Amino acid sequence: MASRLIRTFLAAIWISLAVVAWMNWADRNIELQDVPDLLGEWLSTFGLARAALIYVVLYTVRPLILFPATLLTIASGLVFGPWLGILLTIVGENASANFAFRISRGLGGGWVGDLERGRLRRWNEKIRENALTSVLLMRLLYLPFDAVNYGCGLTSMRQRDFFLGTALGIMPGLISFVLLGGSGASGIEHRAWIFGAAVVFFVLGLIIARRLRRGSPEDDLQPGSSDPPAHETTDQAVSDRESAAS
């Protein structure tokens, strides 16, 4: 009971801080689409090593205020160029995802897995059995980044599966958005080729997801899929009554 109250209290503080941060953001009248350029200008005032460290740290703690990950990913291409930007974003995005997962697991305590009955519990058991594939699909389909992080933390899936699914699944989208930002970086040649590669990687993620869905036990991942069909249940009930009557 005490631990639940502590988790609730910490969650309330966290939500309050996030709301304050977004209210402060709104007061500054900064448009989200301007963030990559503004962040790039700010980071460029530091040396390369310090800017890289600041970027990774910012990316890691970003889930605390639900700041859009895509904007930081694009900014990395603008600031560091496409190749170094990809490397730094791999580190930052994976750290960010697992940080959010641990927050959700710590505060939620695997809430879905603690349910005693119901379809949600059975769905949790199925997704735990297919955790790696499930996370891979969610990443390749570009579902909201933080929703996946926090949602998976509420289930009983192993963090190892979440880590591997995230590390592999984010790559097409990560490369695509870093290249998109890198195509606008100063001093970059072959911008059209870089932009074209960004589009190719984005589409590649969707193609892989489609093929992965064809080969996955899709029905097992649907809530309530383990329930027997209604007509089978009815037929069984009739049969039981007939047996009892005889």
Protein backbone atom coordinates (compact mmCIF):
# COMPACT_ATOMS: atom_id res chain seq x y z
CA MET A 1 0.00 0.00 0.00
CA ALA A 2 2.77 2.41 0.96
CA SER A 3 4.74 1.71 -2.21
CA ARG A 4 1.64 2.35 -4.32
CA LEU A 5 1.10 5.72 -2.62
CA ILE A 6 4.74 6.65 -3.22
CA ARG A 7 4.46 5.73 -6.91
CA THR A 8 1.25 7.74 -7.21
CA PHE A 9 2.90 10.73 -5.53
CA LEU A 10 5.95 10.55 -7.82
CA ALA A 11 3.72 10.22 -10.88
CA ALA A 12 1.75 13.31 -9.81
CA ILE A 13 4.97 15.32 -9.40
CA TRP A 14 6.20 14.16 -12.80
CA ILE A 15 2.94 15.09 -14.55
CA SER A 16 2.93 18.49 -12.82
CA LEU A 17 6.48 19.24 -13.97
CA ALA A 18 5.62 18.19 -17.53
CA VAL A 19 2.59 20.49 -17.54
CA VAL A 20 4.68 23.40 -16.20
CA ALA A 21 7.32 22.77 -18.88
CA TRP A 22 4.75 22.82 -21.68
CA MET A 23 3.06 25.93 -20.28
CA ASN A 24 6.43 27.67 -20.23
CA TRP A 25 6.97 26.52 -23.81
CA ALA A 26 3.60 27.97 -24.84
CA ASP A 27 4.47 31.33 -23.26
CA ARG A 28 7.58 31.58 -25.45
CA ASN A 29 5.51 31.22 -28.63
CA ILE A 30 7.99 28.83 -30.24
CA GLU A 31 6.53 26.77 -33.07
CA LEU A 32 7.46 23.07 -33.03
CA GLN A 33 8.57 23.17 -36.66
CA ASP A 34 11.18 25.79 -35.71
CA VAL A 35 12.76 23.58 -33.04
CA PRO A 36 15.35 21.78 -35.23
CA ASP A 37 16.76 25.09 -36.53
CA LEU A 38 16.75 26.75 -33.09
CA LEU A 39 18.32 23.72 -31.44
CA GLY A 40 20.90 23.55 -34.17
CA GLU A 41 21.85 27.19 -33.65
CA TRP A 42 22.15 26.68 -29.91
CA LEU A 43 24.22 23.48 -30.10
CA SER A 44 26.53 25.01 -32.69
CA THR A 45 27.76 27.46 -30.04
CA PHE A 46 29.46 24.56 -28.25
CA GLY A 47 32.39 22.52 -29.46
CA LEU A 48 31.62 19.31 -31.31
CA ALA A 49 32.31 17.02 -28.33
CA ARG A 50 30.26 19.10 -25.89
CA ALA A 51 27.41 19.53 -28.37
CA ALA A 52 27.32 15.77 -28.96
CA LEU A 53 27.17 15.05 -25.22
CA ILE A 54 24.46 17.66 -24.64
CA TYR A 55 22.43 16.25 -27.51
CA VAL A 56 22.55 12.68 -26.19
CA VAL A 57 21.63 13.81 -22.65
CA LEU A 58 18.73 15.93 -23.93
CA TYR A 59 17.48 13.02 -26.02
CA THR A 60 17.71 10.65 -23.04
CA VAL A 61 15.68 12.81 -20.63
CA ARG A 62 13.26 14.06 -23.30
CA PRO A 63 10.50 11.58 -22.33
CA LEU A 64 10.05 13.37 -18.99
CA ILE A 65 8.17 16.17 -20.77
CA LEU A 66 7.06 14.12 -23.80
CA PHE A 67 9.03 16.33 -26.15
CA PRO A 68 8.66 15.04 -29.74
CA ALA A 69 11.54 12.71 -30.53
CA THR A 70 11.29 13.34 -34.28
CA LEU A 71 12.30 16.99 -33.87
CA LEU A 72 15.51 16.07 -32.05
CA THR A 73 16.25 13.40 -34.63
CA ILE A 74 15.94 15.89 -37.49
CA ALA A 75 18.02 18.41 -35.52
CA SER A 76 20.89 15.94 -35.22
CA GLY A 77 21.22 15.83 -38.99
CA LEU A 78 21.27 19.62 -39.17
CA VAL A 79 23.88 20.02 -36.43
CA PHE A 80 26.16 17.02 -36.86
CA GLY A 81 25.54 16.09 -40.49
CA PRO A 82 23.95 12.82 -41.62
CA TRP A 83 26.63 10.32 -40.60
CA LEU A 84 27.61 11.52 -37.12
CA GLY A 85 23.97 12.45 -36.56
CA ILE A 86 22.91 8.83 -37.15
CA LEU A 87 25.52 7.54 -34.68
CA LEU A 88 24.56 9.99 -31.92
CA THR A 89 20.84 9.45 -32.43
CA ILE A 90 21.25 5.68 -32.17
CA VAL A 91 22.72 6.23 -28.70
CA GLY A 92 20.25 8.91 -27.64
CA GLU A 93 17.10 7.29 -28.99
CA ASN A 94 17.83 3.89 -27.46
CA ALA A 95 18.72 5.48 -24.12
CA SER A 96 15.53 7.55 -24.28
CA ALA A 97 13.29 4.56 -25.03
CA ASN A 98 14.72 2.41 -22.25
CA PHE A 99 14.65 5.33 -19.79
CA ALA A 100 10.93 5.82 -20.46
CA PHE A 101 10.34 2.07 -20.19
CA ARG A 102 11.99 2.01 -16.76
CA ILE A 103 9.95 5.02 -15.58
CA SER A 104 6.73 3.31 -16.64
CA ARG A 105 7.77 -0.02 -15.11
CA GLY A 106 8.81 1.69 -11.88
CA LEU A 107 5.66 3.77 -11.48
CA GLY A 108 3.20 1.37 -13.06
CA GLY A 109 4.79 -1.78 -11.71
CA GLY A 110 3.82 -3.87 -14.73
CA TRP A 111 0.19 -2.92 -14.09
CA VAL A 112 -1.26 -4.92 -16.97
CA GLY A 113 0.59 -8.05 -15.86
CA ASP A 114 -0.80 -7.71 -12.33
CA LEU A 115 -4.43 -7.98 -13.47
CA GLU A 116 -6.01 -11.15 -12.13
CA ARG A 117 -8.43 -11.83 -14.95
CA GLY A 118 -9.94 -10.52 -18.15
CA ARG A 119 -9.02 -10.10 -21.77
CA LEU A 120 -6.36 -7.51 -21.03
CA ARG A 121 -4.46 -10.01 -18.91
CA ARG A 122 -4.64 -12.68 -21.61
CA TRP A 123 -3.46 -10.14 -24.17
CA ASN A 124 -0.56 -9.27 -21.87
CA GLU A 125 0.47 -12.92 -21.72
CA LYS A 126 0.39 -13.16 -25.52
CA ILE A 127 2.39 -10.00 -26.03
CA ARG A 128 4.94 -11.19 -23.49
CA GLU A 129 5.39 -14.39 -25.47
CA ASN A 130 5.85 -12.38 -28.71
CA ALA A 131 7.46 -9.28 -27.18
CA LEU A 132 10.36 -8.93 -29.60
CA THR A 133 8.14 -9.18 -32.69
CA SER A 134 5.52 -6.89 -31.16
CA VAL A 135 8.02 -4.14 -30.39
CA LEU A 136 9.63 -4.52 -33.81
CA LEU A 137 6.27 -4.04 -35.51
CA MET A 138 5.34 -1.02 -33.41
CA ARG A 139 8.66 0.66 -34.24
CA LEU A 140 8.56 -0.18 -37.95
CA LEU A 141 4.98 1.10 -38.21
CA TYR A 142 6.11 4.40 -36.65
CA LEU A 143 3.62 4.30 -33.80
CA PRO A 144 4.02 7.24 -31.35
CA PHE A 145 7.45 6.77 -29.82
CA ASP A 146 6.71 7.57 -26.19
CA ALA A 147 3.33 5.84 -26.23
CA VAL A 148 5.13 2.61 -27.14
CA ASN A 149 7.82 3.18 -24.49
CA TYR A 150 5.44 3.86 -21.63
CA GLY A 151 2.82 1.36 -22.78
CA CYS A 152 5.32 -1.50 -22.97
CA GLY A 153 6.56 -0.62 -19.49
CA LEU A 154 3.07 -1.28 -18.11
CA THR A 155 3.08 -4.83 -19.47
CA SER A 156 5.10 -7.75 -18.16
CA MET A 157 7.37 -8.03 -21.21
CA ARG A 158 11.07 -8.41 -20.48
CA GLN A 159 13.16 -5.30 -20.96
CA ARG A 160 15.65 -7.36 -22.93
CA ASP A 161 13.00 -8.01 -25.58
CA PHE A 162 11.97 -4.35 -25.52
CA PHE A 163 15.61 -3.27 -25.89
CA LEU A 164 16.29 -5.56 -28.85
CA GLY A 165 13.01 -4.79 -30.58
CA THR A 166 13.63 -1.08 -30.20
CA ALA A 167 17.28 -1.19 -31.24
CA LEU A 168 16.40 -3.00 -34.46
CA GLY A 169 13.00 -1.48 -35.18
CA ILE A 170 13.95 2.20 -34.92
CA MET A 171 16.74 2.00 -37.48
CA PRO A 172 14.82 2.71 -40.73
CA GLY A 173 12.92 5.67 -39.26
CA LEU A 174 15.95 6.95 -37.37
CA ILE A 175 18.14 6.95 -40.47
CA SER A 176 15.34 8.48 -42.53
CA PHE A 177 14.75 11.48 -40.26
CA VAL A 178 18.44 12.12 -39.59
CA LEU A 179 19.09 12.12 -43.34
CA LEU A 180 16.14 14.46 -43.77
CA GLY A 181 17.76 16.91 -41.38
CA GLY A 182 21.20 16.26 -42.85
CA SER A 183 19.99 17.19 -46.32
CA GLY A 184 19.53 20.72 -45.02
CA ALA A 185 22.85 20.97 -43.16
CA SER A 186 25.39 23.54 -44.32
CA GLY A 187 28.34 22.32 -46.37
CA ILE A 188 26.60 19.10 -47.40
CA GLU A 189 26.92 17.92 -50.99
CA HIS A 190 24.51 15.73 -52.94
CA ARG A 191 21.48 16.99 -51.00
CA ALA A 192 19.04 15.43 -53.44
CA TRP A 193 20.63 12.01 -52.99
CA ILE A 194 20.52 12.31 -49.21
CA PHE A 195 16.86 13.36 -49.30
CA GLY A 196 16.08 10.47 -51.65
CA ALA A 197 17.81 8.05 -49.28
CA ALA A 198 15.68 9.41 -46.42
CA VAL A 199 12.52 8.56 -48.36
CA VAL A 200 13.84 5.10 -49.23
CA PHE A 201 14.59 4.21 -45.60
CA PHE A 202 11.17 5.47 -44.48
CA VAL A 203 9.38 3.27 -47.01
CA LEU A 204 11.73 0.37 -46.24
CA GLY A 205 10.54 0.35 -42.64
CA LEU A 206 6.92 -0.02 -43.75
CA ILE A 207 7.80 -2.81 -46.19
CA ILE A 208 9.66 -4.76 -43.49
CA ALA A 209 6.72 -4.27 -41.10
CA ARG A 210 4.28 -5.62 -43.68
CA ARG A 211 6.35 -8.73 -44.31
CA LEU A 212 6.90 -9.24 -40.60
CA ARG A 213 3.16 -9.06 -39.96
CA ARG A 214 2.53 -11.75 -42.56
CA GLY A 215 4.87 -14.13 -40.77
CA SER A 216 3.81 -13.33 -37.20
CA PRO A 217 1.06 -14.98 -35.14
CA GLU A 218 -1.13 -11.92 -35.62
CA ASP A 219 -4.24 -13.34 -33.94
CA ASP A 220 -2.26 -14.08 -30.79
CA LEU A 221 -1.53 -10.39 -30.32
CA GLN A 222 -5.17 -9.34 -30.33
CA PRO A 223 -6.82 -8.77 -26.95
CA GLY A 224 -9.22 -11.58 -26.20
CA SER A 225 -8.00 -13.73 -29.06
CA SER A 226 -7.69 -16.70 -26.75
CA ASP A 227 -11.43 -16.69 -26.06
CA PRO A 228 -13.33 -19.53 -27.79
CA PRO A 229 -15.82 -18.49 -30.48
CA ALA A 230 -19.31 -17.76 -29.17
CA HIS A 231 -20.97 -20.55 -31.18
CA GLU A 232 -18.53 -23.13 -29.76
CA THR A 233 -19.31 -21.99 -26.24
CA THR A 234 -23.05 -22.26 -26.91
CA ASP A 235 -22.75 -25.70 -28.48
CA GLN A 236 -20.70 -26.91 -25.54
CA ALA A 237 -23.27 -25.61 -23.07
CA VAL A 238 -26.11 -27.41 -24.91
CA SER A 239 -24.14 -30.61 -25.01
CA ASP A 240 -23.44 -30.41 -21.28
CA ARG A 241 -27.16 -29.95 -20.50
CA GLU A 242 -28.13 -32.91 -22.70
CA SER A 243 -25.56 -35.11 -20.98
CA ALA A 244 -26.84 -34.09 -17.58
CA ALA A 245 -30.47 -34.79 -18.57
CA SER A 246 -29.64 -38.29 -19.77
